[in-house]
Each structure stands twice: as C-alpha cells, then as structure tokens.
C-alpha cells in the first residue's frame, strides 16, 4: 500500500486498487532492498527514496506517454533533434 499511496500523491490521480484475500504462496510482506548488490558489487542507486523513484518515473511517463522508441505527439526524439540541427 505504501507504493500505491506515494504514486497517488505524486501523480495526483486516484489510482484504483482492489484488495483481495492472499492467495496460496503469496508472501506475508514484500521488501525491496538494494543492500545485497551494494555490498557485493559496490553499486549505488541513483535514486533511493520511494518518492524520488515514483516522481522520476511519473515525469518520464508524462514526457513519453507512448513509451520507449515511440515518437510522441508534440515531442521529438533526441536523434530527430540532432538530425535537424
């Protein structure tokens, strides 16, 4: 629920959700952590706070509503901008 609440706050959209009983095999809780990769490989995430991660994703989605490799109405890809200069 934490991710959903943060996403609702950042996007200012209601984002519907369905709450249902746990299914057989569902974990009691889910935890996302980068501790193992930090320790084993020395990797550092560019963003670590949930709010910053959701905000970055939302900003990207607004800029590129059709996704990767898609020319979006009102925008041009960096490749197209470079070719026209």
PDB file of N, CA and C in Angstrom:
ATOM      1  N   UNK A   1       0.809  -1.196   0.000  1.00  0.00           N
ATOM      2  CA  UNK A   1       0.000   0.000   0.000  1.00  0.00           C
ATOM      3  C   UNK A   1       0.856   1.266   0.000  1.00  0.00           C
ATOM      4  N   UNK A   2       2.062   1.164   0.532  1.00  0.00           N
ATOM      5  CA  UNK A   2       2.922   2.336   0.595  1.00  0.00           C
ATOM      6  C   UNK A   2       3.227   2.867  -0.813  1.00  0.00           C
ATOM      7  N   UNK A   3       3.558   1.981  -1.735  1.00  0.00           N
ATOM      8  CA  UNK A   3       3.872   2.403  -3.105  1.00  0.00           C
ATOM      9  C   UNK A   3       2.646   3.048  -3.744  1.00  0.00           C
ATOM     10  N   UNK A   4       1.503   2.441  -3.562  1.00  0.00           N
ATOM     11  CA  UNK A   4       0.259   2.966  -4.121  1.00  0.00           C
ATOM     12  C   UNK A   4      -0.055   4.354  -3.565  1.00  0.00           C
ATOM     13  N   UNK A   5       0.096   4.532  -2.284  1.00  0.00           N
ATOM     14  CA  UNK A   5      -0.172   5.840  -1.663  1.00  0.00           C
ATOM     15  C   UNK A   5       0.783   6.905  -2.174  1.00  0.00           C
ATOM     16  N   UNK A   6       2.058   6.553  -2.320  1.00  0.00           N
ATOM     17  CA  UNK A   6       3.041   7.510  -2.844  1.00  0.00           C
ATOM     18  C   UNK A   6       2.708   7.842  -4.297  1.00  0.00           C
ATOM     19  N   UNK A   7       2.362   6.844  -5.095  1.00  0.00           N
ATOM     20  CA  UNK A   7       2.021   7.079  -6.501  1.00  0.00           C
ATOM     21  C   UNK A   7       0.794   7.974  -6.624  1.00  0.00           C
ATOM     22  N   UNK A   8      -0.196   7.765  -5.794  1.00  0.00           N
ATOM     23  CA  UNK A   8      -1.385   8.632  -5.816  1.00  0.00           C
ATOM     24  C   UNK A   8      -1.011  10.075  -5.480  1.00  0.00           C
ATOM     25  N   UNK A   9      -0.165  10.243  -4.495  1.00  0.00           N
ATOM     26  CA  UNK A   9       0.235  11.587  -4.077  1.00  0.00           C
ATOM     27  C   UNK A   9       1.051  12.286  -5.164  1.00  0.00           C
ATOM     28  N   UNK A  10       2.007  11.580  -5.765  1.00  0.00           N
ATOM     29  CA  UNK A  10       2.873  12.178  -6.782  1.00  0.00           C
ATOM     30  C   UNK A  10       2.099  12.494  -8.058  1.00  0.00           C
ATOM     31  N   UNK A  11       1.267  11.562  -8.508  1.00  0.00           N
ATOM     32  CA  UNK A  11       0.559  11.744  -9.779  1.00  0.00           C
ATOM     33  C   UNK A  11      -0.701  12.582  -9.655  1.00  0.00           C
ATOM     34  N   UNK A  12      -1.202  12.699  -8.441  1.00  0.00           N
ATOM     35  CA  UNK A  12      -2.476  13.382  -8.190  1.00  0.00           C
ATOM     36  C   UNK A  12      -3.628  12.708  -8.948  1.00  0.00           C
ATOM     37  N   UNK A  13      -3.528  11.385  -9.083  1.00  0.00           N
ATOM     38  CA  UNK A  13      -4.569  10.565  -9.696  1.00  0.00           C
ATOM     39  C   UNK A  13      -5.084   9.591  -8.645  1.00  0.00           C
ATOM     40  N   UNK A  14      -6.353   9.215  -8.703  1.00  0.00           N
ATOM     41  CA  UNK A  14      -6.915   8.331  -7.687  1.00  0.00           C
ATOM     42  C   UNK A  14      -6.342   6.911  -7.697  1.00  0.00           C
ATOM     43  N   UNK A  15      -5.892   6.391  -8.839  1.00  0.00           N
ATOM     44  CA  UNK A  15      -5.324   5.044  -8.992  1.00  0.00           C
ATOM     45  C   UNK A  15      -6.140   4.005  -8.219  1.00  0.00           C
ATOM     46  N   UNK A  16      -7.102   3.398  -8.881  1.00  0.00           N
ATOM     47  CA  UNK A  16      -7.935   2.401  -8.200  1.00  0.00           C
ATOM     48  C   UNK A  16      -7.143   1.155  -7.831  1.00  0.00           C
ATOM     49  N   UNK A  17      -7.566   0.484  -6.781  1.00  0.00           N
ATOM     50  CA  UNK A  17      -6.925  -0.756  -6.336  1.00  0.00           C
ATOM     51  C   UNK A  17      -8.001  -1.704  -5.835  1.00  0.00           C
ATOM     52  N   UNK A  18      -7.726  -2.975  -5.977  1.00  0.00           N
ATOM     53  CA  UNK A  18      -8.629  -3.998  -5.482  1.00  0.00           C
ATOM     54  C   UNK A  18      -7.907  -4.743  -4.370  1.00  0.00           C
ATOM     55  N   UNK A  19      -8.516  -4.781  -3.197  1.00  0.00           N
ATOM     56  CA  UNK A  19      -7.946  -5.520  -2.083  1.00  0.00           C
ATOM     57  C   UNK A  19      -8.624  -6.877  -2.034  1.00  0.00           C
ATOM     58  N   UNK A  20      -7.822  -7.924  -2.009  1.00  0.00           N
ATOM     59  CA  UNK A  20      -8.369  -9.282  -2.010  1.00  0.00           C
ATOM     60  C   UNK A  20      -7.607 -10.131  -1.005  1.00  0.00           C
ATOM     61  N   UNK A  21      -8.172 -11.267  -0.692  1.00  0.00           N
ATOM     62  CA  UNK A  21      -7.511 -12.200   0.222  1.00  0.00           C
ATOM     63  C   UNK A  21      -6.207 -12.699  -0.406  1.00  0.00           C
ATOM     64  N   UNK A  22      -5.253 -13.029   0.442  1.00  0.00           N
ATOM     65  CA  UNK A  22      -3.987 -13.570  -0.055  1.00  0.00           C
ATOM     66  C   UNK A  22      -4.233 -14.917  -0.703  1.00  0.00           C
ATOM     67  N   UNK A  23      -3.464 -15.169  -1.740  1.00  0.00           N
ATOM     68  CA  UNK A  23      -3.539 -16.448  -2.435  1.00  0.00           C
ATOM     69  C   UNK A  23      -2.505 -17.394  -1.847  1.00  0.00           C
ATOM     70  N   UNK A  24      -2.696 -18.681  -2.025  1.00  0.00           N
ATOM     71  CA  UNK A  24      -1.684 -19.629  -1.541  1.00  0.00           C
ATOM     72  C   UNK A  24      -0.329 -19.311  -2.173  1.00  0.00           C
ATOM     73  N   UNK A  25       0.691 -19.221  -1.356  1.00  0.00           N
ATOM     74  CA  UNK A  25       2.034 -18.929  -1.854  1.00  0.00           C
ATOM     75  C   UNK A  25       2.413 -17.467  -1.823  1.00  0.00           C
ATOM     76  N   UNK A  26       1.448 -16.564  -1.600  1.00  0.00           N
ATOM     77  CA  UNK A  26       1.771 -15.141  -1.505  1.00  0.00           C
ATOM     78  C   UNK A  26       2.621 -14.897  -0.263  1.00  0.00           C
ATOM     79  N   UNK A  27       3.664 -14.070  -0.375  1.00  0.00           N
ATOM     80  CA  UNK A  27       4.470 -13.761   0.812  1.00  0.00           C
ATOM     81  C   UNK A  27       3.692 -12.867   1.777  1.00  0.00           C
ATOM     82  N   UNK A  28       4.041 -12.943   3.048  1.00  0.00           N
ATOM     83  CA  UNK A  28       3.381 -12.105   4.057  1.00  0.00           C
ATOM     84  C   UNK A  28       3.672 -10.632   3.808  1.00  0.00           C
ATOM     85  N   UNK A  29       4.905 -10.314   3.445  1.00  0.00           N
ATOM     86  CA  UNK A  29       5.294  -8.943   3.123  1.00  0.00           C
ATOM     87  C   UNK A  29       6.283  -8.969   1.963  1.00  0.00           C
ATOM     88  N   UNK A  30       6.382  -7.860   1.263  1.00  0.00           N
ATOM     89  CA  UNK A  30       7.373  -7.692   0.200  1.00  0.00           C
ATOM     90  C   UNK A  30       8.278  -6.534   0.586  1.00  0.00           C
ATOM     91  N   UNK A  31       9.583  -6.747   0.448  1.00  0.00           N
ATOM     92  CA  UNK A  31      10.544  -5.716   0.791  1.00  0.00           C
ATOM     93  C   UNK A  31      11.502  -5.544  -0.374  1.00  0.00           C
ATOM     94  N   UNK A  32      11.682  -4.323  -0.804  1.00  0.00           N
ATOM     95  CA  UNK A  32      12.648  -4.027  -1.856  1.00  0.00           C
ATOM     96  C   UNK A  32      13.880  -3.417  -1.194  1.00  0.00           C
ATOM     97  N   UNK A  33      15.019  -4.008  -1.470  1.00  0.00           N
ATOM     98  CA  UNK A  33      16.249  -3.521  -0.859  1.00  0.00           C
ATOM     99  C   UNK A  33      17.403  -3.689  -1.839  1.00  0.00           C
ATOM    100  N   UNK A  34      18.291  -2.718  -1.851  1.00  0.00           N
ATOM    101  CA  UNK A  34      19.476  -2.807  -2.710  1.00  0.00           C
ATOM    102  C   UNK A  34      20.716  -3.140  -1.885  1.00  0.00           C
ATOM    103  N   UNK A  35      20.528  -3.535  -0.625  1.00  0.00           N
ATOM    104  CA  UNK A  35      21.678  -3.803   0.254  1.00  0.00           C
ATOM    105  C   UNK A  35      22.620  -4.869  -0.293  1.00  0.00           C
ATOM    106  N   UNK A  36      22.074  -5.967  -0.817  1.00  0.00           N
ATOM    107  CA  UNK A  36      22.922  -7.063  -1.293  1.00  0.00           C
ATOM    108  C   UNK A  36      23.806  -6.616  -2.456  1.00  0.00           C
ATOM    109  N   UNK A  37      23.229  -5.961  -3.445  1.00  0.00           N
ATOM    110  CA  UNK A  37      24.023  -5.530  -4.600  1.00  0.00           C
ATOM    111  C   UNK A  37      25.003  -4.418  -4.210  1.00  0.00           C
ATOM    112  N   UNK A  38      24.625  -3.594  -3.250  1.00  0.00           N
ATOM    113  CA  UNK A  38      25.546  -2.570  -2.752  1.00  0.00           C
ATOM    114  C   UNK A  38      26.763  -3.225  -2.129  1.00  0.00           C
ATOM    115  N   UNK A  39      26.507  -4.228  -1.281  1.00  0.00           N
ATOM    116  CA  UNK A  39      27.601  -4.908  -0.593  1.00  0.00           C
ATOM    117  C   UNK A  39      28.471  -5.750  -1.504  1.00  0.00           C
ATOM    118  N   UNK A  40      27.849  -6.498  -2.423  1.00  0.00           N
ATOM    119  CA  UNK A  40      28.605  -7.416  -3.271  1.00  0.00           C
ATOM    120  C   UNK A  40      29.285  -6.739  -4.449  1.00  0.00           C
ATOM    121  N   UNK A  41      28.671  -5.734  -5.013  1.00  0.00           N
ATOM    122  CA  UNK A  41      29.218  -5.094  -6.212  1.00  0.00           C
ATOM    123  C   UNK A  41      29.598  -3.634  -6.018  1.00  0.00           C
ATOM    124  N   UNK A  42      29.243  -3.079  -4.876  1.00  0.00           N
ATOM    125  CA  UNK A  42      29.543  -1.673  -4.637  1.00  0.00           C
ATOM    126  C   UNK A  42      28.671  -0.730  -5.451  1.00  0.00           C
ATOM    127  N   UNK A  43      27.556  -1.241  -5.962  1.00  0.00           N
ATOM    128  CA  UNK A  43      26.644  -0.437  -6.771  1.00  0.00           C
ATOM    129  C   UNK A  43      25.847   0.509  -5.882  1.00  0.00           C
ATOM    130  N   UNK A  44      25.619   1.715  -6.362  1.00  0.00           N
ATOM    131  CA  UNK A  44      24.801   2.694  -5.651  1.00  0.00           C
ATOM    132  C   UNK A  44      23.659   3.136  -6.552  1.00  0.00           C
ATOM    133  N   UNK A  45      22.426   3.055  -6.070  1.00  0.00           N
ATOM    134  CA  UNK A  45      21.312   3.519  -6.896  1.00  0.00           C
ATOM    135  C   UNK A  45      21.349   5.034  -7.047  1.00  0.00           C
ATOM    136  N   UNK A  46      20.942   5.517  -8.196  1.00  0.00           N
ATOM    137  CA  UNK A  46      20.883   6.971  -8.418  1.00  0.00           C
ATOM    138  C   UNK A  46      19.798   7.584  -7.544  1.00  0.00           C
ATOM    139  N   UNK A  47      18.691   6.860  -7.384  1.00  0.00           N
ATOM    140  CA  UNK A  47      17.590   7.305  -6.537  1.00  0.00           C
ATOM    141  C   UNK A  47      17.336   6.221  -5.500  1.00  0.00           C
ATOM    142  N   UNK A  48      17.139   6.596  -4.248  1.00  0.00           N
ATOM    143  CA  UNK A  48      16.908   5.573  -3.240  1.00  0.00           C
ATOM    144  C   UNK A  48      15.599   5.772  -2.470  1.00  0.00           C
ATOM    145  N   UNK A  49      15.091   6.989  -2.419  1.00  0.00           N
ATOM    146  CA  UNK A  49      13.819   7.236  -1.730  1.00  0.00           C
ATOM    147  C   UNK A  49      12.652   6.891  -2.649  1.00  0.00           C
ATOM    148  N   UNK A  50      11.651   6.227  -2.128  1.00  0.00           N
ATOM    149  CA  UNK A  50      10.488   5.830  -2.918  1.00  0.00           C
ATOM    150  C   UNK A  50       9.856   7.027  -3.612  1.00  0.00           C
ATOM    151  N   UNK A  51       9.722   8.126  -2.913  1.00  0.00           N
ATOM    152  CA  UNK A  51       9.117   9.325  -3.502  1.00  0.00           C
ATOM    153  C   UNK A  51       9.896   9.793  -4.725  1.00  0.00           C
ATOM    154  N   UNK A  52      11.216   9.785  -4.644  1.00  0.00           N
ATOM    155  CA  UNK A  52      12.051  10.226  -5.765  1.00  0.00           C
ATOM    156  C   UNK A  52      11.946   9.260  -6.938  1.00  0.00           C
ATOM    157  N   UNK A  53      11.861   7.968  -6.656  1.00  0.00           N
ATOM    158  CA  UNK A  53      11.738   6.963  -7.712  1.00  0.00           C
ATOM    159  C   UNK A  53      10.413   7.132  -8.450  1.00  0.00           C
ATOM    160  N   UNK A  54       9.322   7.260  -7.707  1.00  0.00           N
ATOM    161  CA  UNK A  54       7.995   7.423  -8.326  1.00  0.00           C
ATOM    162  C   UNK A  54       7.924   8.742  -9.086  1.00  0.00           C
ATOM    163  N   UNK A  55       8.465   9.802  -8.523  1.00  0.00           N
ATOM    164  CA  UNK A  55       8.441  11.096  -9.200  1.00  0.00           C
ATOM    165  C   UNK A  55       9.221  11.042 -10.512  1.00  0.00           C
ATOM    166  N   UNK A  56      10.363  10.386 -10.516  1.00  0.00           N
ATOM    167  CA  UNK A  56      11.158  10.251 -11.736  1.00  0.00           C
ATOM    168  C   UNK A  56      10.399   9.451 -12.792  1.00  0.00           C
ATOM    169  N   UNK A  57       9.776   8.359 -12.384  1.00  0.00           N
ATOM    170  CA  UNK A  57       9.002   7.532 -13.317  1.00  0.00           C
ATOM    171  C   UNK A  57       7.809   8.309 -13.879  1.00  0.00           C
ATOM    172  N   UNK A  58       7.139   9.073 -13.026  1.00  0.00           N
ATOM    173  CA  UNK A  58       5.967   9.842 -13.461  1.00  0.00           C
ATOM    174  C   UNK A  58       6.387  10.940 -14.434  1.00  0.00           C
ATOM    175  N   UNK A  59       7.482  11.606 -14.167  1.00  0.00           N
ATOM    176  CA  UNK A  59       7.988  12.653 -15.061  1.00  0.00           C
ATOM    177  C   UNK A  59       8.302  12.061 -16.427  1.00  0.00           C
ATOM    178  N   UNK A  60       8.953  10.889 -16.443  1.00  0.00           N
ATOM    179  CA  UNK A  60       9.284  10.230 -17.705  1.00  0.00           C
ATOM    180  C   UNK A  60       8.012   9.851 -18.446  1.00  0.00           C
ATOM    181  N   UNK A  61       7.044   9.281 -17.749  1.00  0.00           N
ATOM    182  CA  UNK A  61       5.791   8.848 -18.383  1.00  0.00           C
ATOM    183  C   UNK A  61       5.037  10.030 -18.986  1.00  0.00           C
ATOM    184  N   UNK A  62       5.054  11.169 -18.326  1.00  0.00           N
ATOM    185  CA  UNK A  62       4.400  12.351 -18.875  1.00  0.00           C
ATOM    186  C   UNK A  62       5.117  12.844 -20.130  1.00  0.00           C
ATOM    187  N   UNK A  63       6.435  12.735 -20.126  1.00  0.00           N
ATOM    188  CA  UNK A  63       7.213  13.192 -21.269  1.00  0.00           C
ATOM    189  C   UNK A  63       7.101  12.235 -22.452  1.00  0.00           C
ATOM    190  N   UNK A  64       7.018  10.928 -22.166  1.00  0.00           N
ATOM    191  CA  UNK A  64       6.957   9.905 -23.212  1.00  0.00           C
ATOM    192  C   UNK A  64       5.760   8.982 -22.984  1.00  0.00           C
ATOM    193  N   UNK A  65       4.540   9.475 -23.184  1.00  0.00           N
ATOM    194  CA  UNK A  65       3.343   8.682 -22.882  1.00  0.00           C
ATOM    195  C   UNK A  65       3.213   7.406 -23.711  1.00  0.00           C
ATOM    196  N   UNK A  66       3.862   7.349 -24.855  1.00  0.00           N
ATOM    197  CA  UNK A  66       3.785   6.149 -25.689  1.00  0.00           C
ATOM    198  C   UNK A  66       4.911   5.159 -25.408  1.00  0.00           C
ATOM    199  N   UNK A  67       5.844   5.520 -24.542  1.00  0.00           N
ATOM    200  CA  UNK A  67       6.905   4.597 -24.165  1.00  0.00           C
ATOM    201  C   UNK A  67       8.181   4.760 -24.967  1.00  0.00           C
ATOM    202  N   UNK A  68       9.098   3.816 -24.754  1.00  0.00           N
ATOM    203  CA  UNK A  68      10.400   3.812 -25.422  1.00  0.00           C
ATOM    204  C   UNK A  68      10.256   3.706 -26.925  1.00  0.00           C
ATOM    205  N   UNK A  69      11.092   4.448 -27.632  1.00  0.00           N
ATOM    206  CA  UNK A  69      11.170   4.322 -29.071  1.00  0.00           C
ATOM    207  C   UNK A  69       9.958   4.814 -29.828  1.00  0.00           C
ATOM    208  N   UNK A  70       9.045   5.460 -29.134  1.00  0.00           N
ATOM    209  CA  UNK A  70       7.837   5.940 -29.792  1.00  0.00           C
ATOM    210  C   UNK A  70       7.927   7.451 -29.943  1.00  0.00           C
ATOM    211  N   UNK A  71       7.607   7.928 -31.123  1.00  0.00           N
ATOM    212  CA  UNK A  71       7.553   9.372 -31.335  1.00  0.00           C
ATOM    213  C   UNK A  71       6.259   9.863 -30.711  1.00  0.00           C
ATOM    214  N   UNK A  72       6.363  10.738 -29.759  1.00  0.00           N
ATOM    215  CA  UNK A  72       5.199  11.246 -29.052  1.00  0.00           C
ATOM    216  C   UNK A  72       4.751  12.558 -29.656  1.00  0.00           C
ATOM    217  N   UNK A  73       3.448  12.750 -29.719  1.00  0.00           N
ATOM    218  CA  UNK A  73       2.877  13.978 -30.245  1.00  0.00           C
ATOM    219  C   UNK A  73       3.428  15.169 -29.474  1.00  0.00           C
ATOM    220  N   UNK A  74       3.935  16.156 -30.176  1.00  0.00           N
ATOM    221  CA  UNK A  74       4.445  17.350 -29.522  1.00  0.00           C
ATOM    222  C   UNK A  74       5.887  17.224 -29.052  1.00  0.00           C
ATOM    223  N   UNK A  75       6.497  16.058 -29.235  1.00  0.00           N
ATOM    224  CA  UNK A  75       7.900  15.893 -28.856  1.00  0.00           C
ATOM    225  C   UNK A  75       8.648  15.270 -30.016  1.00  0.00           C
ATOM    226  N   UNK A  76       9.941  15.459 -30.015  1.00  0.00           N
ATOM    227  CA  UNK A  76      10.781  14.788 -31.000  1.00  0.00           C
ATOM    228  C   UNK A  76      11.884  14.083 -30.244  1.00  0.00           C
ATOM    229  N   UNK A  77      12.303  12.958 -30.745  1.00  0.00           N
ATOM    230  CA  UNK A  77      13.384  12.221 -30.103  1.00  0.00           C
ATOM    231  C   UNK A  77      14.675  13.012 -30.198  1.00  0.00           C
ATOM    232  N   UNK A  78      15.631  12.695 -29.327  1.00  0.00           N
ATOM    233  CA  UNK A  78      16.922  13.386 -29.388  1.00  0.00           C
ATOM    234  C   UNK A  78      17.607  13.118 -30.713  1.00  0.00           C
ATOM    235  N   UNK A  79      17.411  11.926 -31.292  1.00  0.00           N
ATOM    236  CA  UNK A  79      18.007  11.591 -32.586  1.00  0.00           C
ATOM    237  C   UNK A  79      17.426  12.517 -33.664  1.00  0.00           C
ATOM    238  N   UNK A  80      16.113  12.742 -33.656  1.00  0.00           N
ATOM    239  CA  UNK A  80      15.479  13.607 -34.636  1.00  0.00           C
ATOM    240  C   UNK A  80      15.969  15.056 -34.462  1.00  0.00           C
ATOM    241  N   UNK A  81      16.131  15.499 -33.208  1.00  0.00           N
ATOM    242  CA  UNK A  81      16.610  16.869 -32.959  1.00  0.00           C
ATOM    243  C   UNK A  81      18.037  17.034 -33.496  1.00  0.00           C
ATOM    244  N   UNK A  82      18.878  16.035 -33.269  1.00  0.00           N
ATOM    245  CA  UNK A  82      20.273  16.115 -33.736  1.00  0.00           C
ATOM    246  C   UNK A  82      20.331  16.159 -35.260  1.00  0.00           C
ATOM    247  N   UNK A  83      19.467  15.379 -35.919  1.00  0.00           N
ATOM    248  CA  UNK A  83      19.477  15.331 -37.382  1.00  0.00           C
ATOM    249  C   UNK A  83      19.022  16.639 -38.002  1.00  0.00           C
ATOM    250  N   UNK A  84      18.146  17.370 -37.309  1.00  0.00           N
ATOM    251  CA  UNK A  84      17.634  18.620 -37.884  1.00  0.00           C
ATOM    252  C   UNK A  84      18.570  19.800 -37.635  1.00  0.00           C
ATOM    253  N   UNK A  85      19.546  19.615 -36.755  1.00  0.00           N
ATOM    254  CA  UNK A  85      20.490  20.727 -36.444  1.00  0.00           C
ATOM    255  C   UNK A  85      21.658  20.757 -37.358  1.00  0.00           C
TER     256      UNK A  85
END
